[in-house]
């Protein structure tokens, strides 16, 4: 897998989401797209242009949008409700909890602009809590695609599974590190690099940083297994336990708060069934800040170099 900076396409994961909506619209008239005044930003505009009769705009009324999505699901439709992740997971959490998750309705949530890579928009628009807020809800599945190719696969897969699904998508262009040949299944992690000395679990934009860290560690004769755990819920517990048993050390990496997030989900499995040395990389009890994505990755210690430091320590301690 190519992890050099040269010749790697850079595409936002939200673009893969937009392309998947078009494909779904062409094959299933039950697919309805809902937008909360962010039609262009969520890429729902592409669907609106081709399928205006299967599109509904709600303006700045996220709670109403999710209530309507629940009603559409009850009538047999497959609604995709789109807005920024910070508004979906926070502003409308009560509606998602009671009207959608509690009822186990077939609503798909496209939460774009996740993480600090939103950049200059700052803390108010940088969602760092969605995995925590969504994974505590019964029936809810969560997918965090690592690139645009996987985002397209994930969106199509979400449409085919029954029940609520939260898709966490990014704003800025990120490296495309997978292709059509890489398998995708909800709840099944993908091993991108093999290794025996430790395992690095990552999701979303952090998968690329984990791959870069793998290459640095390889030069130091540390063999790191890189695992794209794109589905924080339902968790692929078998892959987690296999990695723990075979490598004896784990590093988790997330562009998200450490409190109750991706790393916490993995730790809950490890501590109960196969305790090993663990290091968790993420945003530690902090809001985001304004800045360019690369600056923010460095500020919050989310770079390949930070992963390498954690990996060295984990191997030393195991």
Protein backbone atom coordinates (compact mmCIF):
# COMPACT_ATOMS: atom_id res chain seq x y z
CA UNK A 1 0.00 0.00 0.00
CA UNK A 2 1.42 3.36 -1.03
CA UNK A 3 1.84 5.71 1.94
CA UNK A 4 4.16 8.26 0.37
CA UNK A 5 2.86 11.77 -0.10
CA UNK A 6 3.50 11.68 -3.84
CA UNK A 7 0.80 10.64 -6.29
CA UNK A 8 -1.76 9.84 -3.59
CA UNK A 9 -5.17 11.30 -4.50
CA UNK A 10 -6.56 13.70 -1.90
CA UNK A 11 -10.36 13.53 -1.60
CA UNK A 12 -12.71 14.43 1.28
CA UNK A 13 -14.64 11.49 2.73
CA UNK A 14 -17.81 13.58 2.33
CA UNK A 15 -17.30 13.26 -1.44
CA UNK A 16 -17.51 9.48 -1.20
CA UNK A 17 -20.73 9.94 0.77
CA UNK A 18 -22.17 12.22 -1.94
CA UNK A 19 -21.28 9.78 -4.71
CA UNK A 20 -22.86 6.90 -2.81
CA UNK A 21 -26.10 8.85 -2.36
CA UNK A 22 -26.30 9.29 -6.13
CA UNK A 23 -25.75 5.58 -6.69
CA UNK A 24 -28.40 4.71 -4.12
CA UNK A 25 -30.86 7.15 -5.65
CA UNK A 26 -30.47 5.51 -9.03
CA UNK A 27 -31.20 2.05 -7.67
CA UNK A 28 -33.73 2.60 -4.88
CA UNK A 29 -36.59 5.11 -4.98
CA UNK A 30 -37.11 4.61 -1.26
CA UNK A 31 -33.90 6.51 -0.53
CA UNK A 32 -34.76 10.03 0.64
CA UNK A 33 -32.13 12.65 1.48
CA UNK A 34 -32.80 15.29 4.13
CA UNK A 35 -30.61 18.34 4.70
CA UNK A 36 -30.43 20.93 7.48
CA UNK A 37 -29.32 24.03 5.53
CA UNK A 38 -25.90 22.55 4.67
CA UNK A 39 -26.76 20.92 1.37
CA UNK A 40 -23.56 21.91 -0.45
CA UNK A 41 -21.24 21.21 2.47
CA UNK A 42 -22.60 17.70 3.08
CA UNK A 43 -22.59 16.94 -0.66
CA UNK A 44 -26.34 16.33 -0.49
CA UNK A 45 -26.60 18.95 -3.25
CA UNK A 46 -25.46 16.35 -5.76
CA UNK A 47 -28.44 14.17 -4.87
CA UNK A 48 -30.81 17.15 -4.83
CA UNK A 49 -29.87 18.10 -8.38
CA UNK A 50 -30.57 14.63 -9.80
CA UNK A 51 -33.46 13.61 -7.53
CA UNK A 52 -35.31 16.77 -6.45
CA UNK A 53 -38.46 14.78 -5.62
CA UNK A 54 -36.51 12.60 -3.18
CA UNK A 55 -34.91 15.52 -1.35
CA UNK A 56 -36.20 17.66 1.54
CA UNK A 57 -34.55 20.77 2.98
CA UNK A 58 -35.32 21.70 6.59
CA UNK A 59 -33.25 24.83 7.01
CA UNK A 60 -31.62 25.33 10.40
CA UNK A 61 -33.96 22.90 12.13
CA UNK A 62 -32.02 19.76 12.93
CA UNK A 63 -34.49 18.46 15.51
CA UNK A 64 -37.35 18.71 13.01
CA UNK A 65 -35.25 16.97 10.38
CA UNK A 66 -34.58 13.94 12.56
CA UNK A 67 -38.20 13.77 13.65
CA UNK A 68 -39.24 13.74 10.00
CA UNK A 69 -36.58 11.12 9.25
CA UNK A 70 -38.18 8.89 11.88
CA UNK A 71 -41.58 9.32 10.24
CA UNK A 72 -40.17 8.51 6.81
CA UNK A 73 -38.54 5.36 8.17
CA UNK A 74 -41.87 4.28 9.69
CA UNK A 75 -43.44 4.64 6.25
CA UNK A 76 -40.89 2.32 4.65
CA UNK A 77 -38.44 4.90 3.27
CA UNK A 78 -34.67 4.93 3.82
CA UNK A 79 -33.91 8.47 4.97
CA UNK A 80 -30.37 9.88 4.98
CA UNK A 81 -30.38 12.93 7.24
CA UNK A 82 -27.34 15.15 6.64
CA UNK A 83 -25.75 17.97 8.61
CA UNK A 84 -22.49 18.78 10.37
CA UNK A 85 -21.60 16.12 12.91
CA UNK A 86 -21.48 18.66 15.73
CA UNK A 87 -25.14 19.55 15.11
CA UNK A 88 -26.35 16.00 14.46
CA UNK A 89 -24.74 14.44 17.51
CA UNK A 90 -25.25 17.38 19.85
CA UNK A 91 -28.11 19.63 18.91
CA UNK A 92 -30.48 16.81 17.97
CA UNK A 93 -29.27 14.08 20.33
CA UNK A 94 -32.61 13.83 22.14
CA UNK A 95 -34.53 13.31 18.89
CA UNK A 96 -32.00 10.71 17.74
CA UNK A 97 -32.18 8.94 21.09
CA UNK A 98 -35.96 8.78 21.47
CA UNK A 99 -37.39 8.99 17.96
CA UNK A 100 -34.76 6.92 16.16
CA UNK A 101 -32.55 4.73 18.39
CA UNK A 102 -35.21 3.81 20.94
CA UNK A 103 -37.53 2.82 18.10
CA UNK A 104 -34.68 1.09 16.22
CA UNK A 105 -35.72 2.89 13.06
CA UNK A 106 -34.00 2.62 9.70
CA UNK A 107 -32.53 6.14 9.68
CA UNK A 108 -29.06 6.90 8.35
CA UNK A 109 -27.22 9.95 9.69
CA UNK A 110 -24.54 11.68 7.65
CA UNK A 111 -22.48 13.72 10.10
CA UNK A 112 -19.90 15.66 8.10
CA UNK A 113 -17.09 17.96 9.25
CA UNK A 114 -16.07 15.60 12.03
CA UNK A 115 -12.92 16.23 14.05
CA UNK A 116 -10.42 19.05 14.27
CA UNK A 117 -9.54 18.78 10.57
CA UNK A 118 -12.47 21.12 9.92
CA UNK A 119 -9.71 23.65 10.58
CA UNK A 120 -10.29 27.42 10.90
CA UNK A 121 -14.00 27.02 11.76
CA UNK A 122 -12.88 26.36 15.32
CA UNK A 123 -14.32 24.62 18.35
CA UNK A 124 -17.99 25.40 17.64
CA UNK A 125 -17.88 23.41 14.39
CA UNK A 126 -15.25 20.79 15.26
CA UNK A 127 -17.17 17.76 16.44
CA UNK A 128 -15.00 15.72 18.80
CA UNK A 129 -17.70 13.87 20.69
CA UNK A 130 -19.83 12.00 18.11
CA UNK A 131 -18.46 8.50 18.71
CA UNK A 132 -19.02 8.85 22.45
CA UNK A 133 -22.53 10.26 22.08
CA UNK A 134 -23.65 7.77 19.44
CA UNK A 135 -22.10 4.56 20.75
CA UNK A 136 -23.92 4.83 24.07
CA UNK A 137 -27.24 4.57 22.21
CA UNK A 138 -28.65 1.04 21.87
CA UNK A 139 -29.23 -0.12 18.28
CA UNK A 140 -26.94 2.58 16.81
CA UNK A 141 -24.10 1.58 14.47
CA UNK A 142 -21.17 3.95 13.87
CA UNK A 143 -18.90 4.02 10.83
CA UNK A 144 -15.82 6.25 10.47
CA UNK A 145 -14.43 5.78 6.93
CA UNK A 146 -10.70 6.28 6.40
CA UNK A 147 -10.98 7.74 2.89
CA UNK A 148 -13.45 8.64 0.13
CA UNK A 149 -13.43 5.16 -1.39
CA UNK A 150 -14.33 3.57 1.92
CA UNK A 151 -16.90 6.31 2.61
CA UNK A 152 -18.76 5.35 -0.55
CA UNK A 153 -18.72 1.66 0.40
CA UNK A 154 -19.81 2.49 3.95
CA UNK A 155 -22.75 4.62 2.80
CA UNK A 156 -24.03 1.92 0.49
CA UNK A 157 -23.60 -0.69 3.22
CA UNK A 158 -25.47 1.55 5.67
CA UNK A 159 -28.43 1.70 3.30
CA UNK A 160 -28.60 -2.08 3.19
CA UNK A 161 -28.46 -2.78 6.92
CA UNK A 162 -31.62 -2.38 9.00
CA UNK A 163 -31.51 0.05 11.88
CA UNK A 164 -29.94 3.43 12.63
CA UNK A 165 -26.42 4.17 11.39
CA UNK A 166 -24.18 7.16 12.08
CA UNK A 167 -21.59 7.97 9.40
CA UNK A 168 -18.76 10.24 10.57
CA UNK A 169 -17.33 12.12 7.60
CA UNK A 170 -14.61 14.71 7.10
CA UNK A 171 -14.48 18.11 5.43
CA UNK A 172 -10.90 18.41 4.23
CA UNK A 173 -9.28 16.34 1.52
CA UNK A 174 -7.42 13.34 2.89
CA UNK A 175 -5.24 10.66 1.23
CA UNK A 176 -7.01 7.81 -0.52
CA UNK A 177 -5.27 4.78 0.96
CA UNK A 178 -7.72 2.03 -0.05
CA UNK A 179 -9.19 0.92 -3.36
CA UNK A 180 -12.16 -1.06 -4.62
CA UNK A 181 -10.38 -4.34 -3.86
CA UNK A 182 -10.15 -3.67 -0.12
CA UNK A 183 -13.11 -5.41 1.51
CA UNK A 184 -15.67 -3.50 3.52
CA UNK A 185 -18.18 -4.97 5.92
CA UNK A 186 -19.86 -3.20 8.80
CA UNK A 187 -18.38 -4.52 12.03
CA UNK A 188 -15.31 -6.12 10.38
CA UNK A 189 -11.90 -4.51 10.81
CA UNK A 190 -9.35 -4.56 7.98
CA UNK A 191 -5.67 -5.33 8.53
CA UNK A 192 -3.77 -2.95 6.24
CA UNK A 193 -0.27 -3.86 7.42
CA UNK A 194 0.90 -6.99 9.19
CA UNK A 195 3.17 -6.88 12.23
CA UNK A 196 4.10 -8.90 15.31
CA UNK A 197 5.48 -6.32 17.75
CA UNK A 198 2.36 -4.22 18.39
CA UNK A 199 -0.99 -3.33 16.86
CA UNK A 200 -2.11 0.15 15.87
CA UNK A 201 -5.88 0.59 15.68
CA UNK A 202 -7.11 3.69 13.86
CA UNK A 203 -10.21 5.06 12.18
CA UNK A 204 -10.99 7.96 9.86
CA UNK A 205 -8.19 10.34 8.89
CA UNK A 206 -5.89 8.77 11.47
CA UNK A 207 -5.53 5.59 9.40
CA UNK A 208 -3.14 7.40 7.05
CA UNK A 209 -1.08 8.68 9.99
CA UNK A 210 -0.93 5.12 11.32
CA UNK A 211 0.36 3.89 7.96
CA UNK A 212 3.06 6.56 7.98
CA UNK A 213 4.00 5.53 11.51
CA UNK A 214 4.24 1.91 10.36
CA UNK A 215 6.84 2.86 7.76
CA UNK A 216 8.90 4.83 10.30
CA UNK A 217 8.77 1.99 12.82
CA UNK A 218 9.77 -0.53 10.16
CA UNK A 219 13.06 1.32 9.73
CA UNK A 220 13.59 0.87 13.46
CA UNK A 221 12.90 -2.87 13.13
CA UNK A 222 9.56 -2.59 14.94
CA UNK A 223 6.85 -4.49 13.10
CA UNK A 224 3.55 -2.71 13.63
CA UNK A 225 0.23 -4.24 12.61
CA UNK A 226 -2.04 -1.46 11.29
CA UNK A 227 -5.74 -2.14 11.62
CA UNK A 228 -8.45 0.04 10.12
CA UNK A 229 -11.28 -0.42 12.61
CA UNK A 230 -13.76 1.66 10.65
CA UNK A 231 -16.73 0.56 12.73
CA UNK A 232 -16.49 1.66 16.38
CA UNK A 233 -19.90 0.03 16.84
CA UNK A 234 -20.52 -2.85 16.43
CA UNK A 235 -16.91 -3.60 17.37
CA UNK A 236 -14.94 -6.38 15.74
CA UNK A 237 -14.01 -7.96 19.06
CA UNK A 238 -12.36 -10.95 17.39
CA UNK A 239 -9.85 -8.73 15.57
CA UNK A 240 -9.12 -6.79 18.75
CA UNK A 241 -8.50 -9.91 20.81
CA UNK A 242 -6.44 -11.53 18.05
CA UNK A 243 -4.24 -8.44 17.89
CA UNK A 244 -3.86 -8.33 21.66
CA UNK A 245 -2.95 -12.00 21.89
CA UNK A 246 -0.53 -12.02 18.96
CA UNK A 247 1.27 -8.68 19.43
CA UNK A 248 0.95 -8.00 23.16
CA UNK A 249 0.61 -4.23 22.82
CA UNK A 250 -1.95 -1.85 21.33
CA UNK A 251 -1.96 1.81 20.32
CA UNK A 252 -5.30 3.43 19.45
CA UNK A 253 -5.51 6.62 17.37
CA UNK A 254 -8.57 8.82 16.91
CA UNK A 255 -9.35 12.35 15.77
CA UNK A 256 -11.83 12.53 18.62
CA UNK A 257 -11.98 12.97 22.37
CA UNK A 258 -10.37 10.21 24.41
CA UNK A 259 -13.27 10.32 26.85
CA UNK A 260 -15.57 7.45 25.90
CA UNK A 261 -14.47 7.34 22.27
CA UNK A 262 -12.82 4.92 19.88
CA UNK A 263 -9.92 3.99 22.15
CA UNK A 264 -12.23 3.55 25.11
CA UNK A 265 -14.37 1.11 23.14
CA UNK A 266 -11.31 -1.00 22.34
CA UNK A 267 -10.02 -0.78 25.91
CA UNK A 268 -13.34 -2.09 27.25
CA UNK A 269 -12.77 -5.29 25.28
CA UNK A 270 -9.07 -5.62 26.07
CA UNK A 271 -9.26 -5.00 29.83
CA UNK A 272 -11.96 -7.63 30.29
CA UNK A 273 -10.71 -10.39 28.01
CA UNK A 274 -7.02 -9.97 27.21
CA UNK A 275 -5.22 -7.23 29.17
CA UNK A 276 -2.12 -5.93 27.37
CA UNK A 277 -0.15 -2.69 27.30
CA UNK A 278 -2.27 0.06 25.73
CA UNK A 279 -1.53 3.62 24.67
CA UNK A 280 -4.37 5.89 23.53
CA UNK A 281 -3.86 8.86 21.22
CA UNK A 282 -6.61 11.43 20.79
CA UNK A 283 -7.83 14.81 21.99
CA UNK A 284 -7.59 14.73 25.76
CA UNK A 285 -10.45 16.55 27.50
CA UNK A 286 -10.25 19.63 25.30
CA UNK A 287 -12.27 21.57 22.76
CA UNK A 288 -10.80 22.18 19.33
CA UNK A 289 -9.13 25.38 18.17
CA UNK A 290 -8.91 27.39 14.97
CA UNK A 291 -6.05 26.55 12.64
CA UNK A 292 -5.08 24.60 9.57
CA UNK A 293 -5.58 20.83 9.87
CA UNK A 294 -1.85 20.09 9.83
CA UNK A 295 -1.22 22.65 12.57
CA UNK A 296 -4.01 21.20 14.69
CA UNK A 297 -2.77 17.64 14.25
CA UNK A 298 0.58 18.74 15.64
CA UNK A 299 -0.98 20.80 18.43
CA UNK A 300 -3.15 17.90 19.61
CA UNK A 301 -0.42 15.27 19.08
CA UNK A 302 -2.21 13.38 16.32
CA UNK A 303 0.67 12.94 13.87
CA UNK A 304 2.60 9.89 12.71
CA UNK A 305 5.47 11.05 14.92
CA UNK A 306 3.20 10.94 17.97
CA UNK A 307 2.07 7.44 17.06
CA UNK A 308 5.70 6.35 16.74
CA UNK A 309 6.49 7.67 20.22
CA UNK A 310 3.53 5.82 21.71
CA UNK A 311 4.44 2.64 19.81
CA UNK A 312 8.02 2.68 21.07
CA UNK A 313 6.83 3.07 24.63
CA UNK A 314 4.22 0.33 24.27
CA UNK A 315 6.78 -2.12 22.93
CA UNK A 316 9.18 -1.19 25.71
CA UNK A 317 6.56 -1.80 28.40
CA UNK A 318 5.06 -5.05 27.17
